[in-house]
Amino acid sequence: MQQLNEILSLIDSYIGGSDWFVALLLLTGLFFTVYLKFPQIRFFKHAIDVVKGKFDEQDDEGDTSHFQALATALSGTVGTGNIAGVALAIHLGGPAALFWMIVTAFFGMTTKFVEVSLSHKYREKTADGTMAGGPMYFMKNKLNMKWMAVLFAIATVLSSFGTGNLPQVNSIASSINATFGLENYITGAVLSVLLAFVILGGISRIASVTEKLVPIMALIYFIGCVAVIFYNFENIPNSIQRIASDIFSGTSATGGFLGASLAYAFNRGVNRGLFSNEAGQGSAPIAHASAKTKEPISEGMVAILEPFIDTIVICSLTGLALLSSNVWREKIENKFQRTDLEVLSIRYDDTKANPNNDRELLAAHISGDKELPTYTGSLNVINGKITNTVSLLHARSLAEDVKVSIDGEAYTGTLNVVKGKVEWKKKMAIRGKSLVHSAPLTSIAFTRSYFGEWGKYIVSIGLLLFAFSTAISWSYYGDRAMTFLLGAKSVIYYRAVYVFAFFVGSFADTTIIWTLSGITIALMTIPNLIGILILRKDMKESLEVYRSHMKDKFGIKI
């Protein structure tokens, strides 16, 4: 598992985790924002009117309403990225990462507008009478680049597992296990059956479920976030100041948090921002292609609202809850994951008063700037405690009060370590105090509220609804891609594999899953962004046609 994660991390570092990928994503959004004269601001009110059905026409062709298409697309984006992804971004990049997530969303509003409009314009009706669309269709029908369309469709199938399937169920199962003590595989088995029931009904049943789930889950989560923020209201000014002051300098060490550079905060903020709202990834256009309208731009208008709701509203609330509760920099008792664990050859001290600048050395090590010597050899363990003069790093922090157990009993014996990596024994667990990340971090933050310990149940319920609805929507994205690649008959086999993977993902290693998701996101995003940049003039002309239509048909100027 460790070797697999290292290979995946290396691949991700050259694509999704690279600086050029972040630049491509942001600069595309910036270009279209300027090129189309800030449509995310100019057309925001009009987008709301379109969702309300104010401009619907009798002869509109499609399978879902504007609101259902928006709900399906939102259910695909509002998921673990909003709960676990924000926590991971702040864990990696500090408070400034939240700012870069919001910046990504602002430009992402325009990117979504463009990709959805173009995908809707070149959609097709399938043999079963339903609509199929997405970037692969404008790549094939307009750009005449079938090879690019095939590449995108393959990446979509892979991403349906790396984005919509595995990380979603893993976060649900981990959260429910932490809250209720229910084994991950039991949660996975129950949800897999429910997932199969929903996705076998096709887009009609999916839209029917998501249009009910999205408002409910948003309300529940909003109440939970507000309860944390107001309970810790005295910390809000300092949290906002911290975000602002760290934007161009990075975050210095504070508490158990060892610091993060500006470059890392920027990269992780943009990367997690994309994972949250999927702007530029090309996934949402697949859902919007089913909407009833003969005006492609009108559906693009609807898409403007997605990054705003998903990231600027929901992720900001999560971020403020995490920062105001201070849990992002506190060491908390937790069960260590082997891929997050590293053994250093000497003992370090991360307290502020340490005269040897150990905090700076550790910070440089976890950021990859200057590596410290790792340990190779045997660790002596007596009654659960490691007696060697070494340091254990877990979740990018110096671990404390470490205890080793096997099958629940304190372990006495030796552990082999090779280049800082512990060779795990069967039924072994290592626990201690360290920083935590992803969904468990948000769960802890929600206990620092008016709800007290009950707050973690809001995260569990919210995560269950958010992530399950994401898995539903991504199954639809995957089956549309399979239809494009191999025809409608291949969909049933895809769905079977999708449901099985959903079960397996409930107990797989989370670190590997998050790394995999970064790779699959990039594989979709790159060809999609190239495609919409090539079609920039087509987009601008389509917008002018739409504006003329609205003036002639409805007498309004937008």
Protein backbone atom coordinates (compact mmCIF):
# COMPACT_ATOMS: atom_id res chain seq x y z
CA MET A 1 0.00 0.00 0.00
CA GLN A 2 2.78 2.41 0.92
CA GLN A 3 4.64 1.75 -2.33
CA LEU A 4 1.43 2.20 -4.34
CA ASN A 5 0.75 5.51 -2.61
CA GLU A 6 4.29 6.70 -3.36
CA ILE A 7 3.88 5.84 -7.05
CA LEU A 8 0.51 7.61 -7.21
CA SER A 9 1.92 10.63 -5.37
CA LEU A 10 4.79 10.84 -7.86
CA ILE A 11 2.35 10.76 -10.80
CA ASP A 12 0.12 13.37 -9.14
CA SER A 13 3.11 15.66 -8.50
CA TYR A 14 3.65 15.96 -12.27
CA ILE A 15 0.00 16.68 -13.14
CA GLY A 16 -2.71 17.55 -10.57
CA GLY A 17 -0.22 18.59 -7.91
CA SER A 18 2.02 20.58 -10.23
CA ASP A 19 2.29 24.34 -10.55
CA TRP A 20 1.55 24.31 -14.30
CA PHE A 21 -1.79 22.54 -13.72
CA VAL A 22 -2.83 25.11 -11.13
CA ALA A 23 -1.79 27.91 -13.51
CA LEU A 24 -3.76 26.38 -16.41
CA LEU A 25 -6.87 26.12 -14.28
CA LEU A 26 -6.77 29.63 -12.85
CA LEU A 27 -5.60 31.37 -16.01
CA THR A 28 -8.39 29.74 -18.05
CA GLY A 29 -10.97 31.06 -15.59
CA LEU A 30 -9.28 34.48 -15.56
CA PHE A 31 -9.13 34.60 -19.36
CA PHE A 32 -12.84 33.84 -19.82
CA THR A 33 -13.78 36.21 -16.99
CA VAL A 34 -12.08 39.09 -18.84
CA TYR A 35 -12.99 37.83 -22.35
CA LEU A 36 -16.71 37.62 -21.49
CA LYS A 37 -16.64 40.71 -19.24
CA PHE A 38 -17.23 39.17 -15.80
CA PRO A 39 -20.32 37.04 -16.54
CA GLN A 40 -20.33 35.66 -12.98
CA ILE A 41 -21.24 39.17 -11.78
CA ARG A 42 -23.28 40.49 -14.72
CA PHE A 43 -25.52 37.45 -15.09
CA PHE A 44 -25.84 36.30 -11.47
CA LYS A 45 -29.41 37.60 -10.98
CA HIS A 46 -30.46 36.35 -14.41
CA ALA A 47 -29.12 32.89 -13.51
CA ILE A 48 -31.45 32.77 -10.49
CA ASP A 49 -34.41 33.70 -12.72
CA VAL A 50 -33.53 30.90 -15.15
CA VAL A 51 -33.44 28.35 -12.32
CA LYS A 52 -36.89 29.52 -11.20
CA GLY A 53 -38.20 28.61 -14.67
CA LYS A 54 -39.05 32.18 -15.58
CA PHE A 55 -37.97 31.72 -19.20
CA ASP A 56 -39.06 28.12 -19.81
CA GLU A 57 -40.71 27.45 -23.16
CA GLN A 58 -43.27 24.79 -24.14
CA ASP A 59 -41.15 23.13 -26.83
CA ASP A 60 -37.97 22.83 -24.75
CA GLU A 61 -36.38 19.40 -25.26
CA GLY A 62 -34.66 17.44 -22.52
CA ASP A 63 -35.09 15.07 -19.56
CA THR A 64 -34.93 17.34 -16.48
CA SER A 65 -35.84 20.86 -15.38
CA HIS A 66 -33.23 23.58 -14.82
CA PHE A 67 -33.54 23.09 -11.07
CA GLN A 68 -33.21 19.31 -11.31
CA ALA A 69 -30.12 19.67 -13.49
CA LEU A 70 -28.64 22.15 -11.00
CA ALA A 71 -29.50 19.83 -8.08
CA THR A 72 -27.92 16.84 -9.84
CA ALA A 73 -24.77 18.82 -10.66
CA LEU A 74 -24.63 20.25 -7.12
CA SER A 75 -25.09 16.82 -5.60
CA GLY A 76 -22.08 15.79 -7.66
CA THR A 77 -19.96 18.66 -6.33
CA VAL A 78 -21.29 19.20 -2.80
CA GLY A 79 -19.68 16.23 -1.11
CA THR A 80 -16.55 15.31 0.80
CA GLY A 81 -14.79 18.31 -0.75
CA ASN A 82 -16.94 20.59 1.40
CA ILE A 83 -16.43 18.68 4.65
CA ALA A 84 -13.23 16.64 4.30
CA GLY A 85 -11.61 18.58 1.44
CA VAL A 86 -11.67 21.95 3.22
CA ALA A 87 -10.24 20.34 6.35
CA LEU A 88 -7.50 18.72 4.28
CA ALA A 89 -6.69 22.01 2.50
CA ILE A 90 -6.30 23.89 5.80
CA HIS A 91 -4.37 20.96 7.30
CA LEU A 92 -1.91 21.11 4.39
CA GLY A 93 -1.77 24.81 3.58
CA GLY A 94 -3.00 26.64 6.67
CA PRO A 95 -5.75 29.31 6.77
CA ALA A 96 -4.63 30.96 3.50
CA ALA A 97 -5.66 27.82 1.60
CA LEU A 98 -9.30 28.79 2.24
CA PHE A 99 -8.75 32.13 0.49
CA TRP A 100 -7.30 30.41 -2.58
CA MET A 101 -10.25 28.01 -2.63
CA ILE A 102 -12.60 31.01 -2.81
CA VAL A 103 -10.52 32.68 -5.55
CA THR A 104 -10.64 29.44 -7.52
CA ALA A 105 -14.43 29.37 -7.14
CA PHE A 106 -14.85 32.98 -8.31
CA PHE A 107 -13.07 32.31 -11.60
CA GLY A 108 -14.59 28.84 -11.64
CA MET A 109 -18.05 30.41 -11.95
CA THR A 110 -17.05 31.63 -15.42
CA THR A 111 -15.35 28.35 -16.33
CA LYS A 112 -18.53 26.44 -15.42
CA PHE A 113 -20.60 28.90 -17.47
CA VAL A 114 -18.46 28.23 -20.55
CA GLU A 115 -18.04 24.46 -20.30
CA VAL A 116 -21.73 23.83 -19.61
CA SER A 117 -22.91 26.12 -22.43
CA LEU A 118 -20.65 24.48 -25.02
CA SER A 119 -21.43 20.95 -23.87
CA HIS A 120 -25.17 21.62 -23.97
CA LYS A 121 -24.89 23.15 -27.43
CA TYR A 122 -23.36 19.98 -28.93
CA ARG A 123 -25.32 17.35 -26.98
CA GLU A 124 -26.95 14.37 -28.70
CA LYS A 125 -30.07 12.24 -28.27
CA THR A 126 -29.20 8.60 -27.59
CA ALA A 127 -30.90 5.48 -28.96
CA ASP A 128 -33.09 5.22 -25.85
CA GLY A 129 -34.37 8.77 -26.32
CA THR A 130 -32.44 10.40 -23.46
CA MET A 131 -30.01 13.28 -23.85
CA ALA A 132 -26.25 12.76 -23.65
CA GLY A 133 -23.77 15.57 -23.43
CA GLY A 134 -20.50 16.68 -21.96
CA PRO A 135 -17.13 17.88 -23.25
CA MET A 136 -16.61 14.68 -25.24
CA TYR A 137 -19.48 15.73 -27.51
CA PHE A 138 -18.13 19.18 -28.40
CA MET A 139 -14.71 17.60 -28.88
CA LYS A 140 -16.20 15.12 -31.35
CA ASN A 141 -18.95 17.19 -33.01
CA LYS A 142 -17.29 20.61 -33.21
CA LEU A 143 -13.55 20.17 -32.83
CA ASN A 144 -13.44 16.93 -34.82
CA MET A 145 -10.98 15.57 -32.27
CA LYS A 146 -12.42 12.17 -31.50
CA TRP A 147 -9.15 11.07 -29.93
CA MET A 148 -9.48 13.86 -27.37
CA ALA A 149 -13.14 12.96 -26.80
CA VAL A 150 -12.17 9.33 -26.16
CA LEU A 151 -9.39 10.42 -23.78
CA PHE A 152 -11.83 12.61 -21.85
CA ALA A 153 -14.48 9.87 -21.68
CA ILE A 154 -11.95 7.33 -20.38
CA ALA A 155 -10.78 9.86 -17.79
CA THR A 156 -14.42 10.44 -16.79
CA VAL A 157 -14.95 6.74 -16.14
CA LEU A 158 -11.77 6.64 -14.04
CA SER A 159 -12.71 9.84 -12.25
CA SER A 160 -16.17 8.50 -11.43
CA PHE A 161 -14.30 6.10 -9.15
CA GLY A 162 -11.52 8.47 -8.01
CA THR A 163 -13.79 11.46 -7.37
CA GLY A 164 -17.39 10.32 -6.99
CA ASN A 165 -17.09 6.83 -5.62
CA LEU A 166 -14.11 5.78 -3.49
CA PRO A 167 -13.38 8.97 -1.49
CA GLN A 168 -17.08 9.58 -0.87
CA VAL A 169 -17.92 6.24 0.71
CA ASN A 170 -14.59 6.16 2.54
CA SER A 171 -15.34 9.49 4.22
CA ILE A 172 -18.88 8.34 5.10
CA ALA A 173 -17.70 5.05 6.59
CA SER A 174 -14.80 6.66 8.52
CA SER A 175 -17.08 9.33 9.96
CA ILE A 176 -19.78 6.85 11.00
CA ASN A 177 -17.14 4.57 12.52
CA ALA A 178 -15.70 7.47 14.53
CA THR A 179 -19.16 8.62 15.65
CA PHE A 180 -21.13 5.40 16.15
CA GLY A 181 -18.44 2.70 16.19
CA LEU A 182 -20.02 0.86 13.25
CA GLU A 183 -17.52 -1.14 11.17
CA ASN A 184 -16.66 0.44 7.81
CA TYR A 185 -17.59 -2.59 5.74
CA ILE A 186 -21.11 -2.71 7.25
CA THR A 187 -21.72 0.91 6.28
CA GLY A 188 -20.32 0.18 2.84
CA ALA A 189 -22.57 -2.87 2.34
CA VAL A 190 -25.79 -1.04 3.29
CA LEU A 191 -25.04 2.03 1.19
CA SER A 192 -24.01 -0.08 -1.80
CA VAL A 193 -27.48 -1.67 -1.87
CA LEU A 194 -29.14 1.77 -1.69
CA LEU A 195 -26.83 3.09 -4.41
CA ALA A 196 -27.72 0.21 -6.72
CA PHE A 197 -31.44 0.90 -6.25
CA VAL A 198 -31.10 4.57 -7.20
CA ILE A 199 -28.73 4.38 -10.16
CA LEU A 200 -30.59 1.52 -11.87
CA GLY A 201 -33.48 3.96 -12.36
CA GLY A 202 -31.42 6.20 -14.67
CA ILE A 203 -31.42 9.99 -14.84
CA SER A 204 -35.12 10.37 -13.98
CA ARG A 205 -34.78 8.63 -10.64
CA ILE A 206 -31.40 10.27 -9.98
CA ALA A 207 -32.85 13.75 -10.60
CA SER A 208 -35.87 12.96 -8.45
CA VAL A 209 -33.67 11.89 -5.52
CA THR A 210 -31.10 14.70 -5.80
CA GLU A 211 -33.64 17.55 -6.03
CA LYS A 212 -34.93 16.46 -2.61
CA LEU A 213 -31.58 15.62 -1.03
CA VAL A 214 -29.68 18.81 -1.92
CA PRO A 215 -31.90 21.35 -0.07
CA ILE A 216 -32.22 19.09 2.99
CA MET A 217 -28.51 18.40 3.32
CA ALA A 218 -27.58 22.04 2.75
CA LEU A 219 -29.93 23.19 5.52
CA ILE A 220 -28.68 20.62 8.04
CA TYR A 221 -25.06 21.46 7.37
CA PHE A 222 -25.67 25.22 7.41
CA ILE A 223 -27.21 24.97 10.90
CA GLY A 224 -24.23 22.95 12.14
CA CYS A 225 -21.66 25.43 10.77
CA VAL A 226 -23.46 28.46 12.16
CA ALA A 227 -23.67 26.79 15.60
CA VAL A 228 -19.87 26.39 15.64
CA ILE A 229 -19.14 29.89 14.30
CA PHE A 230 -21.40 31.71 16.76
CA TYR A 231 -20.25 29.57 19.69
CA ASN A 232 -16.66 30.61 18.94
CA PHE A 233 -17.58 34.07 17.73
CA GLU A 234 -14.78 35.78 19.67
CA ASN A 235 -12.28 33.90 17.48
CA ILE A 236 -13.82 34.98 14.15
CA PRO A 237 -11.95 38.33 13.83
CA ASN A 238 -8.64 36.58 14.54
CA SER A 239 -9.50 33.80 12.05
CA ILE A 240 -10.26 36.31 9.29
CA GLN A 241 -7.12 38.26 10.14
CA ARG A 242 -5.13 35.04 10.00
CA ILE A 243 -6.47 34.23 6.53
CA ALA A 244 -5.66 37.74 5.28
CA SER A 245 -2.19 37.94 6.81
CA ASP A 246 -1.15 34.50 5.52
CA ILE A 247 -2.27 35.01 1.89
CA PHE A 248 1.08 36.26 0.60
CA SER A 249 3.40 34.94 3.30
CA GLY A 250 2.29 31.41 4.16
CA THR A 251 1.48 30.22 7.68
CA SER A 252 4.09 30.11 10.43
CA ALA A 253 4.16 27.33 13.04
CA THR A 254 1.37 27.55 15.62
CA GLY A 255 0.38 24.89 18.12
CA GLY A 256 0.92 21.47 16.56
CA PHE A 257 0.80 22.97 13.05
CA LEU A 258 4.38 23.17 11.77
CA GLY A 259 3.75 25.81 9.11
CA ALA A 260 3.06 26.00 5.38
CA SER A 261 4.68 28.04 2.61
CA LEU A 262 2.80 30.46 0.35
CA ALA A 263 3.36 28.18 -2.64
CA TYR A 264 1.96 25.16 -0.80
CA ALA A 265 -1.08 27.06 0.52
CA PHE A 266 -1.78 28.36 -3.00
CA ASN A 267 -1.36 24.98 -4.66
CA ARG A 268 -3.45 23.05 -2.12
CA GLY A 269 -6.14 25.74 -1.98
CA VAL A 270 -6.60 25.74 -5.76
CA ASN A 271 -6.37 21.94 -5.95
CA ARG A 272 -8.94 21.36 -3.20
CA GLY A 273 -11.07 24.18 -4.62
CA LEU A 274 -11.28 22.29 -7.88
CA PHE A 275 -12.06 19.04 -6.07
CA SER A 276 -14.88 20.84 -4.26
CA ASN A 277 -16.63 22.65 -7.13
CA GLU A 278 -15.22 20.74 -10.14
CA ALA A 279 -15.07 23.92 -12.27
CA GLY A 280 -13.08 23.10 -15.38
CA GLN A 281 -13.19 19.38 -14.78
CA GLY A 282 -15.99 18.86 -17.30
CA SER A 283 -18.18 16.73 -15.03
CA ALA A 284 -21.10 19.09 -14.38
CA PRO A 285 -21.81 19.63 -18.12
CA ILE A 286 -22.78 15.96 -18.32
CA ALA A 287 -25.59 16.55 -15.81
CA HIS A 288 -26.65 19.87 -17.36
CA ALA A 289 -26.91 18.27 -20.81
CA SER A 290 -30.16 16.63 -19.69
CA ALA A 291 -31.88 19.97 -18.97
CA LYS A 292 -34.96 21.00 -20.95
CA THR A 293 -33.98 24.01 -23.04
CA LYS A 294 -33.13 24.83 -26.62
CA GLU A 295 -30.88 27.70 -25.51
CA PRO A 296 -27.51 26.26 -24.40
CA ILE A 297 -26.43 29.52 -22.79
CA SER A 298 -29.42 29.44 -20.43
CA GLU A 299 -28.09 26.24 -18.90
CA GLY A 300 -24.66 27.82 -18.69
CA MET A 301 -26.31 30.61 -16.67
CA VAL A 302 -27.61 28.03 -14.21
CA ALA A 303 -24.09 26.60 -13.84
CA ILE A 304 -22.74 29.98 -12.69
CA LEU A 305 -24.49 29.36 -9.36
CA GLU A 306 -22.72 26.07 -8.63
CA PRO A 307 -19.23 27.22 -7.52
CA PHE A 308 -20.87 30.08 -5.61
CA ILE A 309 -23.10 27.74 -3.58
CA ASP A 310 -20.57 24.93 -3.29
CA THR A 311 -17.37 26.78 -2.46
CA ILE A 312 -17.96 30.46 -1.72
CA VAL A 313 -20.85 29.65 0.64
CA ILE A 314 -20.52 26.09 1.97
CA CYS A 315 -16.71 25.75 1.98
CA SER A 316 -16.32 29.19 3.57
CA LEU A 317 -18.68 28.16 6.37
CA THR A 318 -16.68 24.95 6.91
CA GLY A 319 -13.42 26.88 6.90
CA LEU A 320 -14.62 29.43 9.45
CA ALA A 321 -15.91 26.63 11.67
CA LEU A 322 -12.50 24.91 11.56
CA LEU A 323 -10.51 28.10 12.17
CA SER A 324 -12.72 29.60 14.88
CA SER A 325 -12.76 26.33 16.85
CA ASN A 326 -8.92 26.14 16.60
CA VAL A 327 -8.97 22.37 16.01
CA TRP A 328 -6.86 22.73 12.84
CA ARG A 329 -3.74 23.36 14.96
CA GLU A 330 -4.44 21.09 17.95
CA LYS A 331 -2.98 17.65 18.53
CA ILE A 332 -5.82 15.23 19.20
CA GLU A 333 -5.89 11.59 20.26
CA ASN A 334 -6.43 9.45 17.16
CA LYS A 335 -5.61 6.17 15.45
CA PHE A 336 -2.62 6.58 13.13
CA GLN A 337 -2.77 5.63 9.45
CA ARG A 338 0.34 3.90 8.18
CA THR A 339 0.68 6.07 5.07
CA ASP A 340 0.64 9.22 7.24
CA LEU A 341 3.30 7.86 9.62
CA GLU A 342 7.07 8.40 9.42
CA VAL A 343 9.90 7.66 11.87
CA LEU A 344 12.85 10.09 12.14
CA SER A 345 16.24 8.92 13.43
CA ILE A 346 16.56 11.36 16.36
CA ARG A 347 14.20 12.98 18.84
CA TYR A 348 12.93 16.48 18.03
CA ASP A 349 11.03 19.05 20.08
CA ASP A 350 8.32 21.15 18.43
CA THR A 351 7.68 23.49 21.37
CA LYS A 352 8.10 27.18 20.71
CA ALA A 353 10.80 27.56 23.39
CA ASN A 354 13.10 24.96 21.83
CA PRO A 355 16.54 26.57 21.22
CA ASN A 356 17.56 24.21 18.40
CA ASN A 357 15.01 25.51 15.90
CA ASP A 358 13.47 22.03 15.69
CA ARG A 359 10.14 23.47 14.54
CA GLU A 360 11.81 25.04 11.52
CA LEU A 361 13.69 21.80 10.75
CA LEU A 362 10.50 19.75 10.97
CA ALA A 363 8.58 22.27 8.86
CA ALA A 364 11.26 22.13 6.15
CA HIS A 365 11.10 18.34 6.22
CA ILE A 366 7.33 17.98 5.81
CA SER A 367 7.31 20.60 3.04
CA GLY A 368 10.05 18.72 1.18
CA ASP A 369 12.49 21.64 1.26
CA LYS A 370 15.15 19.90 3.35
CA GLU A 371 14.71 16.30 4.44
CA LEU A 372 15.71 15.05 7.88
CA PRO A 373 17.34 11.62 8.34
CA THR A 374 14.78 8.85 8.67
CA TYR A 375 15.16 5.77 10.87
CA THR A 376 16.03 2.27 9.70
CA GLY A 377 16.23 -0.56 12.20
CA SER A 378 14.18 -2.05 15.03
CA LEU A 379 11.92 -0.16 17.40
CA ASN A 380 11.80 -1.62 20.91
CA VAL A 381 8.30 -1.54 22.38
CA ILE A 382 7.59 -2.26 26.04
CA ASN A 383 3.98 -2.35 27.23
CA GLY A 384 2.89 -0.32 24.21
CA LYS A 385 5.55 2.41 24.51
CA ILE A 386 8.46 2.92 22.08
CA THR A 387 11.74 3.21 24.02
CA ASN A 388 14.08 4.33 21.20
CA THR A 389 15.16 7.98 20.99
CA VAL A 390 13.32 8.61 17.73
CA SER A 391 10.54 10.93 16.58
CA LEU A 392 7.28 9.87 15.00
CA LEU A 393 5.64 12.20 12.49
CA HIS A 394 1.97 11.65 11.84
CA ALA A 395 -0.34 13.82 9.72
CA ARG A 396 2.44 16.40 9.21
CA SER A 397 2.94 16.87 12.97
CA LEU A 398 5.18 15.54 15.74
CA ALA A 399 3.27 12.73 17.45
CA GLU A 400 2.95 12.56 21.24
CA ASP A 401 1.89 9.88 23.79
CA VAL A 402 2.31 7.12 21.20
CA LYS A 403 1.00 3.65 22.13
CA VAL A 404 1.27 0.43 20.11
CA SER A 405 -1.29 -2.35 20.47
CA ILE A 406 -2.13 -5.61 18.76
CA ASP A 407 -5.71 -6.86 18.85
CA GLY A 408 -6.48 -4.24 21.51
CA GLU A 409 -3.71 -5.29 23.91
CA ALA A 410 -0.54 -3.25 24.68
CA TYR A 411 2.30 -4.66 22.58
CA THR A 412 5.73 -5.71 23.82
CA GLY A 413 8.34 -6.64 21.24
CA THR A 414 10.03 -5.07 18.22
CA LEU A 415 8.87 -3.27 15.08
CA ASN A 416 10.94 -3.19 11.90
CA VAL A 417 11.38 0.19 10.23
CA VAL A 418 12.83 0.77 6.75
CA LYS A 419 13.64 4.35 5.69
CA GLY A 420 11.17 5.76 8.17
CA LYS A 421 8.30 3.40 7.26
CA VAL A 422 6.99 0.97 9.87
CA GLU A 423 6.40 -2.62 8.77
CA TRP A 424 2.87 -3.19 10.03
CA LYS A 425 1.98 -6.33 11.97
CA LYS A 426 -1.38 -8.07 11.67
CA LYS A 427 -4.15 -6.45 13.77
CA MET A 428 -1.70 -3.78 14.94
CA ALA A 429 -2.82 -0.27 15.83
CA ILE A 430 -0.76 2.79 16.73
CA ARG A 431 -2.50 5.60 18.57
CA GLY A 432 -1.37 8.92 19.96
CA LYS A 433 -1.81 12.67 19.77
CA SER A 434 -1.24 14.42 16.45
CA LEU A 435 -2.96 16.72 14.03
CA VAL A 436 -5.91 15.16 12.22
CA HIS A 437 -7.35 15.99 8.82
CA SER A 438 -10.24 15.38 6.45
CA ALA A 439 -13.70 14.45 7.84
CA PRO A 440 -12.50 13.58 11.41
CA LEU A 441 -11.15 17.13 11.80
CA THR A 442 -14.50 18.67 10.82
CA SER A 443 -16.31 16.27 13.18
CA ILE A 444 -14.18 17.48 16.08
CA ALA A 445 -14.76 21.14 15.15
CA PHE A 446 -18.53 20.58 15.23
CA THR A 447 -18.31 19.42 18.87
CA ARG A 448 -17.02 22.91 19.78
CA SER A 449 -20.50 24.39 19.36
CA TYR A 450 -23.86 24.84 21.06
CA PHE A 451 -24.60 21.21 20.23
CA GLY A 452 -21.55 19.90 22.11
CA GLU A 453 -20.85 16.22 21.41
CA TRP A 454 -24.05 16.08 19.37
CA GLY A 455 -22.32 18.27 16.78
CA LYS A 456 -20.38 15.33 15.39
CA TYR A 457 -23.67 13.70 14.43
CA ILE A 458 -24.43 16.65 12.17
CA VAL A 459 -21.17 16.01 10.33
CA SER A 460 -21.93 12.31 10.07
CA ILE A 461 -25.45 12.95 8.74
CA GLY A 462 -24.25 15.77 6.48
CA LEU A 463 -21.39 13.68 5.15
CA LEU A 464 -23.71 10.75 4.57
CA LEU A 465 -26.13 12.87 2.52
CA PHE A 466 -23.45 14.94 0.75
CA ALA A 467 -21.22 12.05 -0.20
CA PHE A 468 -23.99 9.62 -1.09
CA SER A 469 -25.61 12.14 -3.42
CA THR A 470 -22.19 12.75 -5.02
CA ALA A 471 -21.79 9.04 -5.67
CA ILE A 472 -25.24 8.97 -7.30
CA SER A 473 -24.42 11.84 -9.66
CA TRP A 474 -21.00 10.51 -10.59
CA SER A 475 -22.51 7.15 -11.52
CA TYR A 476 -24.52 9.06 -14.13
CA TYR A 477 -21.40 10.84 -15.41
CA GLY A 478 -19.66 7.50 -15.74
CA ASP A 479 -22.52 5.79 -17.53
CA ARG A 480 -22.79 8.67 -20.05
CA ALA A 481 -19.06 8.28 -20.71
CA MET A 482 -19.47 4.52 -21.14
CA THR A 483 -22.36 5.15 -23.53
CA PHE A 484 -20.07 7.39 -25.58
CA LEU A 485 -17.25 4.85 -25.58
CA LEU A 486 -18.95 1.47 -25.92
CA GLY A 487 -22.66 2.10 -26.36
CA ALA A 488 -25.69 1.82 -24.07
CA LYS A 489 -25.29 -1.93 -23.51
CA SER A 490 -22.03 -1.38 -21.59
CA VAL A 491 -23.74 0.71 -18.90
CA ILE A 492 -25.12 -2.23 -16.90
CA TYR A 493 -21.61 -3.70 -16.50
CA TYR A 494 -20.23 -0.31 -15.49
CA ARG A 495 -22.93 0.10 -12.83
CA ALA A 496 -22.14 -3.32 -11.37
CA VAL A 497 -18.45 -2.47 -11.03
CA TYR A 498 -19.32 0.98 -9.65
CA VAL A 499 -21.48 -0.50 -6.87
CA PHE A 500 -18.84 -3.12 -6.00
CA ALA A 501 -16.09 -0.45 -5.85
CA PHE A 502 -18.35 1.63 -3.60
CA PHE A 503 -18.37 -1.25 -1.12
CA VAL A 504 -14.58 -1.82 -1.30
CA GLY A 505 -13.90 1.91 -0.94
CA SER A 506 -15.56 1.93 2.48
CA PHE A 507 -12.58 0.20 4.10
CA ALA A 508 -9.67 1.15 1.78
CA ASP A 509 -6.80 3.45 2.85
CA THR A 510 -7.90 7.11 2.69
CA THR A 511 -4.51 8.56 1.80
CA ILE A 512 -4.29 6.46 -1.36
CA ILE A 513 -7.86 7.40 -2.29
CA TRP A 514 -7.21 11.13 -1.98
CA THR A 515 -4.05 10.79 -4.08
CA LEU A 516 -5.93 8.83 -6.74
CA SER A 517 -8.66 11.47 -6.88
CA GLY A 518 -6.08 14.16 -7.65
CA ILE A 519 -4.80 12.20 -10.65
CA THR A 520 -8.21 11.45 -12.14
CA ILE A 521 -9.34 15.06 -11.75
CA ALA A 522 -6.34 16.23 -13.78
CA LEU A 523 -6.94 13.66 -16.51
CA MET A 524 -10.41 15.11 -17.10
CA THR A 525 -9.55 18.76 -16.61
CA ILE A 526 -6.64 19.15 -19.04
CA PRO A 527 -8.42 18.12 -22.29
CA ASN A 528 -11.58 19.97 -21.21
CA LEU A 529 -9.76 23.27 -20.64
CA ILE A 530 -7.89 22.94 -23.93
CA GLY A 531 -11.20 22.32 -25.71
CA ILE A 532 -13.06 25.32 -24.31
CA LEU A 533 -10.09 27.61 -25.00
CA ILE A 534 -10.12 26.54 -28.64
CA LEU A 535 -13.89 27.26 -28.78
CA ARG A 536 -13.64 30.71 -27.16
CA LYS A 537 -15.06 32.51 -30.25
CA ASP A 538 -17.90 29.98 -30.52
CA MET A 539 -18.76 30.74 -26.89
CA LYS A 540 -18.77 34.50 -27.39
CA GLU A 541 -20.96 34.24 -30.51
CA SER A 542 -23.40 31.92 -28.72
CA LEU A 543 -23.69 34.41 -25.87
CA GLU A 544 -24.58 37.23 -28.27
CA VAL A 545 -27.21 35.04 -29.97
CA TYR A 546 -28.72 34.27 -26.55
CA ARG A 547 -28.82 37.93 -25.56
CA SER A 548 -30.62 38.76 -28.80
CA HIS A 549 -33.09 35.92 -28.18
CA MET A 550 -33.89 37.16 -24.67
CA LYS A 551 -34.45 40.68 -25.99
CA ASP A 552 -36.68 39.58 -28.89
CA LYS A 553 -38.63 36.85 -27.04
CA PHE A 554 -38.95 38.26 -23.52
CA GLY A 555 -38.10 41.91 -24.00
CA ILE A 556 -35.25 41.91 -21.47
CA LYS A 557 -31.69 43.11 -21.81
CA ILE A 558 -28.98 41.12 -20.09
